[in-house]
Amino acid sequence: MAKITYIEHNGTEHVVEVANGLTVMEGARDNNIPGIEADCGGACACSTCHVYVHPDWAEKLPKMDAMEEDMLDFAFEPDMSRSRLTCQIKVTDAMEGLVVQMPEKQI
């Protein structure tokens, strides 16, 4: 289990524990965190779970695959150095303290 901080675009922080094996998107959904819509349910078929990973974490997460990279083209204002789709990030103990910030909107 890992404590993850989700920061809404307006700065509101939500710190929740997310079980190993779930995705960062599922952690947001299960804890009613606003700002992550996850319209496709985690199939990497949309970009509505887009976040900006805190710079300290950008290099610590597993690399994104080509499918995630392609879907980020549809995200609102992606920053390819920090943007990720939360449905593609599986939670492990090593993610203790992960911080992600939601964009202004999801598209």
PDB file of N, CA and C in Angstrom:
ATOM      1  N   MET A   1       0.844  -1.175   0.000  1.00  0.00           N
ATOM      2  CA  MET A   1       0.000   0.000   0.000  1.00  0.00           C
ATOM      3  C   MET A   1       0.886   1.234   0.000  1.00  0.00           C
ATOM      4  N   ALA A   2       0.416   2.276  -0.697  1.00  0.00           N
ATOM      5  CA  ALA A   2       1.194   3.511  -0.786  1.00  0.00           C
ATOM      6  C   ALA A   2       0.285   4.711  -0.579  1.00  0.00           C
ATOM      7  N   LYS A   3       0.793   5.705   0.143  1.00  0.00           N
ATOM      8  CA  LYS A   3       0.080   6.971   0.273  1.00  0.00           C
ATOM      9  C   LYS A   3       0.384   7.791  -0.970  1.00  0.00           C
ATOM     10  N   ILE A   4      -0.680   8.226  -1.630  1.00  0.00           N
ATOM     11  CA  ILE A   4      -0.555   9.030  -2.841  1.00  0.00           C
ATOM     12  C   ILE A   4      -1.272  10.347  -2.603  1.00  0.00           C
ATOM     13  N   THR A   5      -0.637  11.436  -3.029  1.00  0.00           N
ATOM     14  CA  THR A   5      -1.254  12.754  -2.928  1.00  0.00           C
ATOM     15  C   THR A   5      -1.760  13.161  -4.297  1.00  0.00           C
ATOM     16  N   TYR A   6      -3.061  13.412  -4.366  1.00  0.00           N
ATOM     17  CA  TYR A   6      -3.719  13.906  -5.569  1.00  0.00           C
ATOM     18  C   TYR A   6      -4.008  15.386  -5.323  1.00  0.00           C
ATOM     19  N   ILE A   7      -3.576  16.238  -6.230  1.00  0.00           N
ATOM     20  CA  ILE A   7      -3.799  17.670  -6.084  1.00  0.00           C
ATOM     21  C   ILE A   7      -4.725  18.134  -7.210  1.00  0.00           C
ATOM     22  N   GLU A   8      -5.870  18.662  -6.817  1.00  0.00           N
ATOM     23  CA  GLU A   8      -6.799  19.204  -7.793  1.00  0.00           C
ATOM     24  C   GLU A   8      -6.180  20.444  -8.433  1.00  0.00           C
ATOM     25  N   HIS A   9      -6.717  20.839  -9.572  1.00  0.00           N
ATOM     26  CA  HIS A   9      -6.183  22.013 -10.268  1.00  0.00           C
ATOM     27  C   HIS A   9      -6.241  23.259  -9.386  1.00  0.00           C
ATOM     28  N   ASN A  10      -7.240  23.335  -8.498  1.00  0.00           N
ATOM     29  CA  ASN A  10      -7.379  24.503  -7.628  1.00  0.00           C
ATOM     30  C   ASN A  10      -6.467  24.450  -6.404  1.00  0.00           C
ATOM     31  N   GLY A  11      -5.669  23.382  -6.279  1.00  0.00           N
ATOM     32  CA  GLY A  11      -4.719  23.262  -5.185  1.00  0.00           C
ATOM     33  C   GLY A  11      -5.176  22.395  -4.024  1.00  0.00           C
ATOM     34  N   THR A  12      -6.435  21.961  -4.021  1.00  0.00           N
ATOM     35  CA  THR A  12      -6.935  21.097  -2.953  1.00  0.00           C
ATOM     36  C   THR A  12      -6.209  19.760  -2.999  1.00  0.00           C
ATOM     37  N   GLU A  13      -5.657  19.343  -1.866  1.00  0.00           N
ATOM     38  CA  GLU A  13      -4.907  18.083  -1.793  1.00  0.00           C
ATOM     39  C   GLU A  13      -5.734  16.991  -1.140  1.00  0.00           C
ATOM     40  N   HIS A  14      -5.573  15.785  -1.668  1.00  0.00           N
ATOM     41  CA  HIS A  14      -6.194  14.589  -1.109  1.00  0.00           C
ATOM     42  C   HIS A  14      -5.085  13.552  -0.944  1.00  0.00           C
ATOM     43  N   VAL A  15      -4.819  13.131   0.279  1.00  0.00           N
ATOM     44  CA  VAL A  15      -3.817  12.106   0.537  1.00  0.00           C
ATOM     45  C   VAL A  15      -4.570  10.835   0.917  1.00  0.00           C
ATOM     46  N   VAL A  16      -4.385   9.793   0.111  1.00  0.00           N
ATOM     47  CA  VAL A  16      -5.101   8.538   0.345  1.00  0.00           C
ATOM     48  C   VAL A  16      -4.143   7.365   0.233  1.00  0.00           C
ATOM     49  N   GLU A  17      -4.499   6.279   0.898  1.00  0.00           N
ATOM     50  CA  GLU A  17      -3.744   5.042   0.759  1.00  0.00           C
ATOM     51  C   GLU A  17      -4.379   4.225  -0.347  1.00  0.00           C
ATOM     52  N   VAL A  18      -3.540   3.739  -1.241  1.00  0.00           N
ATOM     53  CA  VAL A  18      -4.003   2.948  -2.378  1.00  0.00           C
ATOM     54  C   VAL A  18      -3.319   1.587  -2.311  1.00  0.00           C
ATOM     55  N   ALA A  19      -4.106   0.552  -2.435  1.00  0.00           N
ATOM     56  CA  ALA A  19      -3.584  -0.812  -2.330  1.00  0.00           C
ATOM     57  C   ALA A  19      -2.688  -1.156  -3.514  1.00  0.00           C
ATOM     58  N   ASN A  20      -1.657  -1.944  -3.229  1.00  0.00           N
ATOM     59  CA  ASN A  20      -0.784  -2.439  -4.288  1.00  0.00           C
ATOM     60  C   ASN A  20      -1.615  -3.210  -5.313  1.00  0.00           C
ATOM     61  N   GLY A  21      -1.241  -3.053  -6.564  1.00  0.00           N
ATOM     62  CA  GLY A  21      -1.925  -3.754  -7.638  1.00  0.00           C
ATOM     63  C   GLY A  21      -3.024  -2.942  -8.289  1.00  0.00           C
ATOM     64  N   LEU A  22      -3.565  -1.970  -7.555  1.00  0.00           N
ATOM     65  CA  LEU A  22      -4.525  -1.061  -8.175  1.00  0.00           C
ATOM     66  C   LEU A  22      -3.752  -0.035  -8.990  1.00  0.00           C
ATOM     67  N   THR A  23      -4.446   0.692  -9.835  1.00  0.00           N
ATOM     68  CA  THR A  23      -3.796   1.778 -10.551  1.00  0.00           C
ATOM     69  C   THR A  23      -4.025   3.080  -9.796  1.00  0.00           C
ATOM     70  N   VAL A  24      -3.229   4.073 -10.128  1.00  0.00           N
ATOM     71  CA  VAL A  24      -3.402   5.389  -9.526  1.00  0.00           C
ATOM     72  C   VAL A  24      -4.794   5.922  -9.861  1.00  0.00           C
ATOM     73  N   MET A  25      -5.314   5.607 -11.042  1.00  0.00           N
ATOM     74  CA  MET A  25      -6.668   5.996 -11.427  1.00  0.00           C
ATOM     75  C   MET A  25      -7.706   5.324 -10.536  1.00  0.00           C
ATOM     76  N   GLU A  26      -7.542   4.046 -10.265  1.00  0.00           N
ATOM     77  CA  GLU A  26      -8.489   3.337  -9.404  1.00  0.00           C
ATOM     78  C   GLU A  26      -8.464   3.900  -7.987  1.00  0.00           C
ATOM     79  N   GLY A  27      -7.293   4.311  -7.529  1.00  0.00           N
ATOM     80  CA  GLY A  27      -7.184   4.938  -6.219  1.00  0.00           C
ATOM     81  C   GLY A  27      -7.988   6.223  -6.154  1.00  0.00           C
ATOM     82  N   ALA A  28      -7.948   7.008  -7.224  1.00  0.00           N
ATOM     83  CA  ALA A  28      -8.726   8.249  -7.275  1.00  0.00           C
ATOM     84  C   ALA A  28     -10.218   7.928  -7.334  1.00  0.00           C
ATOM     85  N   ARG A  29     -10.580   7.001  -8.173  1.00  0.00           N
ATOM     86  CA  ARG A  29     -11.999   6.626  -8.316  1.00  0.00           C
ATOM     87  C   ARG A  29     -12.563   6.081  -7.010  1.00  0.00           C
ATOM     88  N   ASP A  30     -11.841   5.180  -6.379  1.00  0.00           N
ATOM     89  CA  ASP A  30     -12.324   4.537  -5.163  1.00  0.00           C
ATOM     90  C   ASP A  30     -12.415   5.492  -3.982  1.00  0.00           C
ATOM     91  N   ASN A  31     -11.697   6.606  -4.055  1.00  0.00           N
ATOM     92  CA  ASN A  31     -11.699   7.589  -2.971  1.00  0.00           C
ATOM     93  C   ASN A  31     -12.417   8.887  -3.350  1.00  0.00           C
ATOM     94  N   ASN A  32     -13.164   8.827  -4.446  1.00  0.00           N
ATOM     95  CA  ASN A  32     -13.972   9.973  -4.895  1.00  0.00           C
ATOM     96  C   ASN A  32     -13.169  11.253  -5.052  1.00  0.00           C
ATOM     97  N   ILE A  33     -11.984  11.126  -5.633  1.00  0.00           N
ATOM     98  CA  ILE A  33     -11.131  12.289  -5.877  1.00  0.00           C
ATOM     99  C   ILE A  33     -11.618  12.979  -7.153  1.00  0.00           C
ATOM    100  N   PRO A  34     -12.011  14.255  -7.068  1.00  0.00           N
ATOM    101  CA  PRO A  34     -12.453  14.939  -8.286  1.00  0.00           C
ATOM    102  C   PRO A  34     -11.274  15.263  -9.203  1.00  0.00           C
ATOM    103  N   GLY A  35     -11.559  15.302 -10.503  1.00  0.00           N
ATOM    104  CA  GLY A  35     -10.541  15.713 -11.466  1.00  0.00           C
ATOM    105  C   GLY A  35     -10.004  14.592 -12.321  1.00  0.00           C
ATOM    106  N   ILE A  36     -10.305  13.353 -11.962  1.00  0.00           N
ATOM    107  CA  ILE A  36      -9.925  12.205 -12.787  1.00  0.00           C
ATOM    108  C   ILE A  36     -11.220  11.521 -13.186  1.00  0.00           C
ATOM    109  N   GLU A  37     -11.584  11.654 -14.464  1.00  0.00           N
ATOM    110  CA  GLU A  37     -12.872  11.145 -14.923  1.00  0.00           C
ATOM    111  C   GLU A  37     -12.835   9.671 -15.299  1.00  0.00           C
ATOM    112  N   ALA A  38     -11.758   9.228 -15.935  1.00  0.00           N
ATOM    113  CA  ALA A  38     -11.583   7.814 -16.298  1.00  0.00           C
ATOM    114  C   ALA A  38     -12.761   7.269 -17.101  1.00  0.00           C
ATOM    115  N   ASP A  39     -13.111   7.970 -18.162  1.00  0.00           N
ATOM    116  CA  ASP A  39     -14.265   7.591 -18.982  1.00  0.00           C
ATOM    117  C   ASP A  39     -14.178   6.184 -19.558  1.00  0.00           C
ATOM    118  N   CYS A  40     -12.981   5.716 -19.879  1.00  0.00           N
ATOM    119  CA  CYS A  40     -12.854   4.392 -20.498  1.00  0.00           C
ATOM    120  C   CYS A  40     -12.673   3.287 -19.469  1.00  0.00           C
ATOM    121  N   GLY A  41     -12.640   3.640 -18.204  1.00  0.00           N
ATOM    122  CA  GLY A  41     -12.538   2.634 -17.148  1.00  0.00           C
ATOM    123  C   GLY A  41     -11.156   2.041 -16.966  1.00  0.00           C
ATOM    124  N   GLY A  42     -10.170   2.626 -17.577  1.00  0.00           N
ATOM    125  CA  GLY A  42      -8.806   2.148 -17.388  1.00  0.00           C
ATOM    126  C   GLY A  42      -8.247   1.358 -18.548  1.00  0.00           C
ATOM    127  N   ALA A  43      -8.895   1.451 -19.716  1.00  0.00           N
ATOM    128  CA  ALA A  43      -8.462   0.681 -20.884  1.00  0.00           C
ATOM    129  C   ALA A  43      -7.438   1.403 -21.748  1.00  0.00           C
ATOM    130  N   CYS A  44      -6.977   2.565 -21.309  1.00  0.00           N
ATOM    131  CA  CYS A  44      -6.034   3.385 -22.082  1.00  0.00           C
ATOM    132  C   CYS A  44      -6.623   3.719 -23.454  1.00  0.00           C
ATOM    133  N   ALA A  45      -7.931   4.044 -23.440  1.00  0.00           N
ATOM    134  CA  ALA A  45      -8.630   4.369 -24.678  1.00  0.00           C
ATOM    135  C   ALA A  45      -9.121   5.813 -24.688  1.00  0.00           C
ATOM    136  N   CYS A  46      -8.728   6.591 -23.697  1.00  0.00           N
ATOM    137  CA  CYS A  46      -9.069   8.008 -23.649  1.00  0.00           C
ATOM    138  C   CYS A  46      -7.950   8.703 -22.876  1.00  0.00           C
ATOM    139  N   SER A  47      -8.133   9.969 -22.597  1.00  0.00           N
ATOM    140  CA  SER A  47      -7.096  10.678 -21.835  1.00  0.00           C
ATOM    141  C   SER A  47      -7.692  11.368 -20.616  1.00  0.00           C
ATOM    142  N   THR A  48      -8.830  10.876 -20.128  1.00  0.00           N
ATOM    143  CA  THR A  48      -9.535  11.570 -19.045  1.00  0.00           C
ATOM    144  C   THR A  48      -9.041  11.209 -17.653  1.00  0.00           C
ATOM    145  N   CYS A  49      -7.909  10.532 -17.574  1.00  0.00           N
ATOM    146  CA  CYS A  49      -7.266  10.290 -16.278  1.00  0.00           C
ATOM    147  C   CYS A  49      -5.858  10.888 -16.267  1.00  0.00           C
ATOM    148  N   HIS A  50      -5.660  11.874 -17.128  1.00  0.00           N
ATOM    149  CA  HIS A  50      -4.378  12.547 -17.289  1.00  0.00           C
ATOM    150  C   HIS A  50      -4.002  13.327 -16.025  1.00  0.00           C
ATOM    151  N   VAL A  51      -2.748  13.228 -15.625  1.00  0.00           N
ATOM    152  CA  VAL A  51      -2.201  14.019 -14.519  1.00  0.00           C
ATOM    153  C   VAL A  51      -0.799  14.468 -14.875  1.00  0.00           C
ATOM    154  N   TYR A  52      -0.322  15.431 -14.082  1.00  0.00           N
ATOM    155  CA  TYR A  52       1.077  15.835 -14.122  1.00  0.00           C
ATOM    156  C   TYR A  52       1.740  15.237 -12.892  1.00  0.00           C
ATOM    157  N   VAL A  53       2.737  14.414 -13.103  1.00  0.00           N
ATOM    158  CA  VAL A  53       3.485  13.797 -12.014  1.00  0.00           C
ATOM    159  C   VAL A  53       4.466  14.828 -11.468  1.00  0.00           C
ATOM    160  N   HIS A  54       4.572  14.892 -10.143  1.00  0.00           N
ATOM    161  CA  HIS A  54       5.534  15.817  -9.525  1.00  0.00           C
ATOM    162  C   HIS A  54       6.916  15.546 -10.124  1.00  0.00           C
ATOM    163  N   PRO A  55       7.699  16.590 -10.408  1.00  0.00           N
ATOM    164  CA  PRO A  55       9.017  16.402 -11.022  1.00  0.00           C
ATOM    165  C   PRO A  55       9.915  15.404 -10.289  1.00  0.00           C
ATOM    166  N   ASP A  56       9.809  15.332  -8.970  1.00  0.00           N
ATOM    167  CA  ASP A  56      10.627  14.384  -8.212  1.00  0.00           C
ATOM    168  C   ASP A  56      10.300  12.935  -8.555  1.00  0.00           C
ATOM    169  N   TRP A  57       9.115  12.693  -9.123  1.00  0.00           N
ATOM    170  CA  TRP A  57       8.664  11.333  -9.421  1.00  0.00           C
ATOM    171  C   TRP A  57       8.738  10.976 -10.896  1.00  0.00           C
ATOM    172  N   ALA A  58       8.934  11.941 -11.740  1.00  0.00           N
ATOM    173  CA  ALA A  58       8.867  11.694 -13.189  1.00  0.00           C
ATOM    174  C   ALA A  58       9.781  10.566 -13.649  1.00  0.00           C
ATOM    175  N   GLU A  59      10.970  10.479 -13.103  1.00  0.00           N
ATOM    176  CA  GLU A  59      11.923   9.447 -13.525  1.00  0.00           C
ATOM    177  C   GLU A  59      11.825   8.171 -12.693  1.00  0.00           C
ATOM    178  N   LYS A  60      11.084   8.203 -11.588  1.00  0.00           N
ATOM    179  CA  LYS A  60      10.983   7.033 -10.715  1.00  0.00           C
ATOM    180  C   LYS A  60       9.905   6.050 -11.149  1.00  0.00           C
ATOM    181  N   LEU A  61       8.936   6.528 -11.919  1.00  0.00           N
ATOM    182  CA  LEU A  61       7.839   5.657 -12.348  1.00  0.00           C
ATOM    183  C   LEU A  61       8.280   4.800 -13.526  1.00  0.00           C
ATOM    184  N   PRO A  62       7.620   3.653 -13.706  1.00  0.00           N
ATOM    185  CA  PRO A  62       7.915   2.848 -14.893  1.00  0.00           C
ATOM    186  C   PRO A  62       7.673   3.673 -16.160  1.00  0.00           C
ATOM    187  N   LYS A  63       8.461   3.426 -17.161  1.00  0.00           N
ATOM    188  CA  LYS A  63       8.337   4.149 -18.424  1.00  0.00           C
ATOM    189  C   LYS A  63       6.976   3.882 -19.056  1.00  0.00           C
ATOM    190  N   MET A  64       6.462   4.885 -19.751  1.00  0.00           N
ATOM    191  CA  MET A  64       5.191   4.694 -20.443  1.00  0.00           C
ATOM    192  C   MET A  64       5.418   3.911 -21.729  1.00  0.00           C
ATOM    193  N   ASP A  65       4.373   3.170 -22.111  1.00  0.00           N
ATOM    194  CA  ASP A  65       4.469   2.442 -23.374  1.00  0.00           C
ATOM    195  C   ASP A  65       3.932   3.313 -24.507  1.00  0.00           C
ATOM    196  N   ALA A  66       4.035   2.828 -25.717  1.00  0.00           N
ATOM    197  CA  ALA A  66       3.653   3.609 -26.894  1.00  0.00           C
ATOM    198  C   ALA A  66       2.170   3.950 -26.898  1.00  0.00           C
ATOM    199  N   MET A  67       1.328   3.048 -26.420  1.00  0.00           N
ATOM    200  CA  MET A  67      -0.108   3.297 -26.401  1.00  0.00           C
ATOM    201  C   MET A  67      -0.445   4.486 -25.484  1.00  0.00           C
ATOM    202  N   GLU A  68       0.156   4.515 -24.293  1.00  0.00           N
ATOM    203  CA  GLU A  68      -0.076   5.637 -23.380  1.00  0.00           C
ATOM    204  C   GLU A  68       0.436   6.935 -23.997  1.00  0.00           C
ATOM    205  N   GLU A  69       1.601   6.883 -24.587  1.00  0.00           N
ATOM    206  CA  GLU A  69       2.173   8.074 -25.214  1.00  0.00           C
ATOM    207  C   GLU A  69       1.256   8.606 -26.314  1.00  0.00           C
ATOM    208  N   ASP A  70       0.697   7.707 -27.118  1.00  0.00           N
ATOM    209  CA  ASP A  70      -0.232   8.114 -28.175  1.00  0.00           C
ATOM    210  C   ASP A  70      -1.496   8.750 -27.601  1.00  0.00           C
ATOM    211  N   MET A  71      -2.035   8.188 -26.521  1.00  0.00           N
ATOM    212  CA  MET A  71      -3.260   8.726 -25.929  1.00  0.00           C
ATOM    213  C   MET A  71      -3.019  10.094 -25.303  1.00  0.00           C
ATOM    214  N   LEU A  72      -1.830  10.367 -24.841  1.00  0.00           N
ATOM    215  CA  LEU A  72      -1.529  11.676 -24.258  1.00  0.00           C
ATOM    216  C   LEU A  72      -1.639  12.803 -25.286  1.00  0.00           C
ATOM    217  N   ASP A  73      -1.572  12.447 -26.583  1.00  0.00           N
ATOM    218  CA  ASP A  73      -1.774  13.458 -27.624  1.00  0.00           C
ATOM    219  C   ASP A  73      -3.165  14.079 -27.523  1.00  0.00           C
ATOM    220  N   PHE A  74      -4.114  13.366 -26.915  1.00  0.00           N
ATOM    221  CA  PHE A  74      -5.489  13.840 -26.805  1.00  0.00           C
ATOM    222  C   PHE A  74      -5.768  14.522 -25.465  1.00  0.00           C
ATOM    223  N   ALA A  75      -4.792  14.553 -24.579  1.00  0.00           N
ATOM    224  CA  ALA A  75      -4.967  15.142 -23.253  1.00  0.00           C
ATOM    225  C   ALA A  75      -4.934  16.668 -23.339  1.00  0.00           C
ATOM    226  N   PHE A  76      -5.495  17.305 -22.312  1.00  0.00           N
ATOM    227  CA  PHE A  76      -5.476  18.767 -22.225  1.00  0.00           C
ATOM    228  C   PHE A  76      -4.090  19.221 -21.777  1.00  0.00           C
ATOM    229  N   GLU A  77      -3.443  20.007 -22.610  1.00  0.00           N
ATOM    230  CA  GLU A  77      -2.129  20.588 -22.328  1.00  0.00           C
ATOM    231  C   GLU A  77      -1.124  19.596 -21.743  1.00  0.00           C
ATOM    232  N   PRO A  78      -0.799  18.524 -22.491  1.00  0.00           N
ATOM    233  CA  PRO A  78       0.181  17.572 -21.973  1.00  0.00           C
ATOM    234  C   PRO A  78       1.582  18.180 -21.880  1.00  0.00           C
ATOM    235  N   ASP A  79       2.304  17.721 -20.891  1.00  0.00           N
ATOM    236  CA  ASP A  79       3.704  18.088 -20.693  1.00  0.00           C
ATOM    237  C   ASP A  79       4.454  16.759 -20.733  1.00  0.00           C
ATOM    238  N   MET A  80       5.087  16.467 -21.830  1.00  0.00           N
ATOM    239  CA  MET A  80       5.646  15.137 -22.021  1.00  0.00           C
ATOM    240  C   MET A  80       6.757  14.791 -21.030  1.00  0.00           C
ATOM    241  N   SER A  81       7.220  15.740 -20.261  1.00  0.00           N
ATOM    242  CA  SER A  81       8.202  15.410 -19.228  1.00  0.00           C
ATOM    243  C   SER A  81       7.518  14.962 -17.936  1.00  0.00           C
ATOM    244  N   ARG A  82       6.211  15.286 -17.771  1.00  0.00           N
ATOM    245  CA  ARG A  82       5.528  14.966 -16.517  1.00  0.00           C
ATOM    246  C   ARG A  82       4.139  14.352 -16.700  1.00  0.00           C
ATOM    247  N   SER A  83       3.568  14.421 -17.888  1.00  0.00           N
ATOM    248  CA  SER A  83       2.217  13.910 -18.092  1.00  0.00           C
ATOM    249  C   SER A  83       2.183  12.393 -18.105  1.00  0.00           C
ATOM    250  N   ARG A  84       1.167  11.852 -17.436  1.00  0.00           N
ATOM    251  CA  ARG A  84       0.931  10.409 -17.440  1.00  0.00           C
ATOM    252  C   ARG A  84      -0.569  10.160 -17.386  1.00  0.00           C
ATOM    253  N   LEU A  85      -0.969   8.979 -17.837  1.00  0.00           N
ATOM    254  CA  LEU A  85      -2.337   8.508 -17.657  1.00  0.00           C
ATOM    255  C   LEU A  85      -2.336   7.623 -16.427  1.00  0.00           C
ATOM    256  N   THR A  86      -3.159   7.972 -15.451  1.00  0.00           N
ATOM    257  CA  THR A  86      -3.131   7.251 -14.175  1.00  0.00           C
ATOM    258  C   THR A  86      -3.619   5.814 -14.301  1.00  0.00           C
ATOM    259  N   CYS A  87      -4.341   5.502 -15.359  1.00  0.00           N
ATOM    260  CA  CYS A  87      -4.793   4.112 -15.540  1.00  0.00           C
ATOM    261  C   CYS A  87      -3.629   3.193 -15.889  1.00  0.00           C
ATOM    262  N   GLN A  88      -2.510   3.760 -16.248  1.00  0.00           N
ATOM    263  CA  GLN A  88      -1.356   2.966 -16.667  1.00  0.00           C
ATOM    264  C   GLN A  88      -0.264   2.877 -15.604  1.00  0.00           C
ATOM    265  N   ILE A  89      -0.534   3.393 -14.413  1.00  0.00           N
ATOM    266  CA  ILE A  89       0.464   3.364 -13.344  1.00  0.00           C
ATOM    267  C   ILE A  89      -0.033   2.449 -12.234  1.00  0.00           C
ATOM    268  N   LYS A  90       0.552   1.261 -12.135  1.00  0.00           N
ATOM    269  CA  LYS A  90       0.198   0.307 -11.078  1.00  0.00           C
ATOM    270  C   LYS A  90       0.899   0.687  -9.786  1.00  0.00           C
ATOM    271  N   VAL A  91       0.140   0.667  -8.706  1.00  0.00           N
ATOM    272  CA  VAL A  91       0.666   1.058  -7.403  1.00  0.00           C
ATOM    273  C   VAL A  91       1.491  -0.074  -6.789  1.00  0.00           C
ATOM    274  N   THR A  92       2.651   0.294  -6.242  1.00  0.00           N
ATOM    275  CA  THR A  92       3.515  -0.616  -5.486  1.00  0.00           C
ATOM    276  C   THR A  92       3.980   0.128  -4.234  1.00  0.00           C
ATOM    277  N   ASP A  93       4.582  -0.591  -3.317  1.00  0.00           N
ATOM    278  CA  ASP A  93       5.129   0.049  -2.117  1.00  0.00           C
ATOM    279  C   ASP A  93       6.128   1.154  -2.478  1.00  0.00           C
ATOM    280  N   ALA A  94       6.812   0.988  -3.598  1.00  0.00           N
ATOM    281  CA  ALA A  94       7.827   1.963  -4.005  1.00  0.00           C
ATOM    282  C   ALA A  94       7.223   3.316  -4.366  1.00  0.00           C
ATOM    283  N   MET A  95       5.904   3.383  -4.494  1.00  0.00           N
ATOM    284  CA  MET A  95       5.244   4.640  -4.852  1.00  0.00           C
ATOM    285  C   MET A  95       4.784   5.432  -3.639  1.00  0.00           C
ATOM    286  N   GLU A  96       5.212   5.015  -2.457  1.00  0.00           N
ATOM    287  CA  GLU A  96       4.886   5.752  -1.238  1.00  0.00           C
ATOM    288  C   GLU A  96       5.304   7.211  -1.400  1.00  0.00           C
ATOM    289  N   GLY A  97       4.334   8.129  -1.259  1.00  0.00           N
ATOM    290  CA  GLY A  97       4.628   9.554  -1.368  1.00  0.00           C
ATOM    291  C   GLY A  97       4.450  10.147  -2.753  1.00  0.00           C
ATOM    292  N   LEU A  98       4.002   9.342  -3.714  1.00  0.00           N
ATOM    293  CA  LEU A  98       3.772   9.846  -5.070  1.00  0.00           C
ATOM    294  C   LEU A  98       2.823  11.043  -5.025  1.00  0.00           C
ATOM    295  N   VAL A  99       3.134  12.065  -5.814  1.00  0.00           N
ATOM    296  CA  VAL A  99       2.300  13.262  -5.909  1.00  0.00           C
ATOM    297  C   VAL A  99       1.940  13.487  -7.370  1.00  0.00           C
ATOM    298  N   VAL A 100       0.624  13.621  -7.618  1.00  0.00           N
ATOM    299  CA  VAL A 100       0.147  13.903  -8.970  1.00  0.00           C
ATOM    300  C   VAL A 100      -0.805  15.092  -8.912  1.00  0.00           C
ATOM    301  N   GLN A 101      -0.791  15.895  -9.967  1.00  0.00           N
ATOM    302  CA  GLN A 101      -1.679  17.060 -10.033  1.00  0.00           C
ATOM    303  C   GLN A 101      -2.541  16.959 -11.280  1.00  0.00           C
ATOM    304  N   MET A 102      -3.835  17.245 -11.082  1.00  0.00           N
ATOM    305  CA  MET A 102      -4.756  17.193 -12.195  1.00  0.00           C
ATOM    306  C   MET A 102      -4.653  18.449 -13.047  1.00  0.00           C
ATOM    307  N   PRO A 103      -4.890  18.304 -14.341  1.00  0.00           N
ATOM    308  CA  PRO A 103      -4.906  19.477 -15.211  1.00  0.00           C
ATOM    309  C   PRO A 103      -6.180  20.296 -14.963  1.00  0.00           C
ATOM    310  N   GLU A 104      -6.269  21.441 -15.618  1.00  0.00           N
ATOM    311  CA  GLU A 104      -7.438  22.303 -15.465  1.00  0.00           C
ATOM    312  C   GLU A 104      -8.734  21.572 -15.849  1.00  0.00           C
ATOM    313  N   LYS A 105      -8.640  20.720 -16.872  1.00  0.00           N
ATOM    314  CA  LYS A 105      -9.813  19.941 -17.289  1.00  0.00           C
ATOM    315  C   LYS A 105      -9.341  18.673 -17.978  1.00  0.00           C
ATOM    316  N   GLN A 106     -10.250  17.734 -18.106  1.00  0.00           N
ATOM    317  CA  GLN A 106      -9.981  16.489 -18.833  1.00  0.00           C
ATOM    318  C   GLN A 106     -10.769  16.544 -20.145  1.00  0.00           C
ATOM    319  N   ILE A 107     -10.153  16.060 -21.207  1.00  0.00           N
ATOM    320  CA  ILE A 107     -10.855  16.025 -22.505  1.00  0.00           C
ATOM    321  C   ILE A 107     -10.675  14.673 -23.147  1.00  0.00           C
TER     322      ILE A 107
END
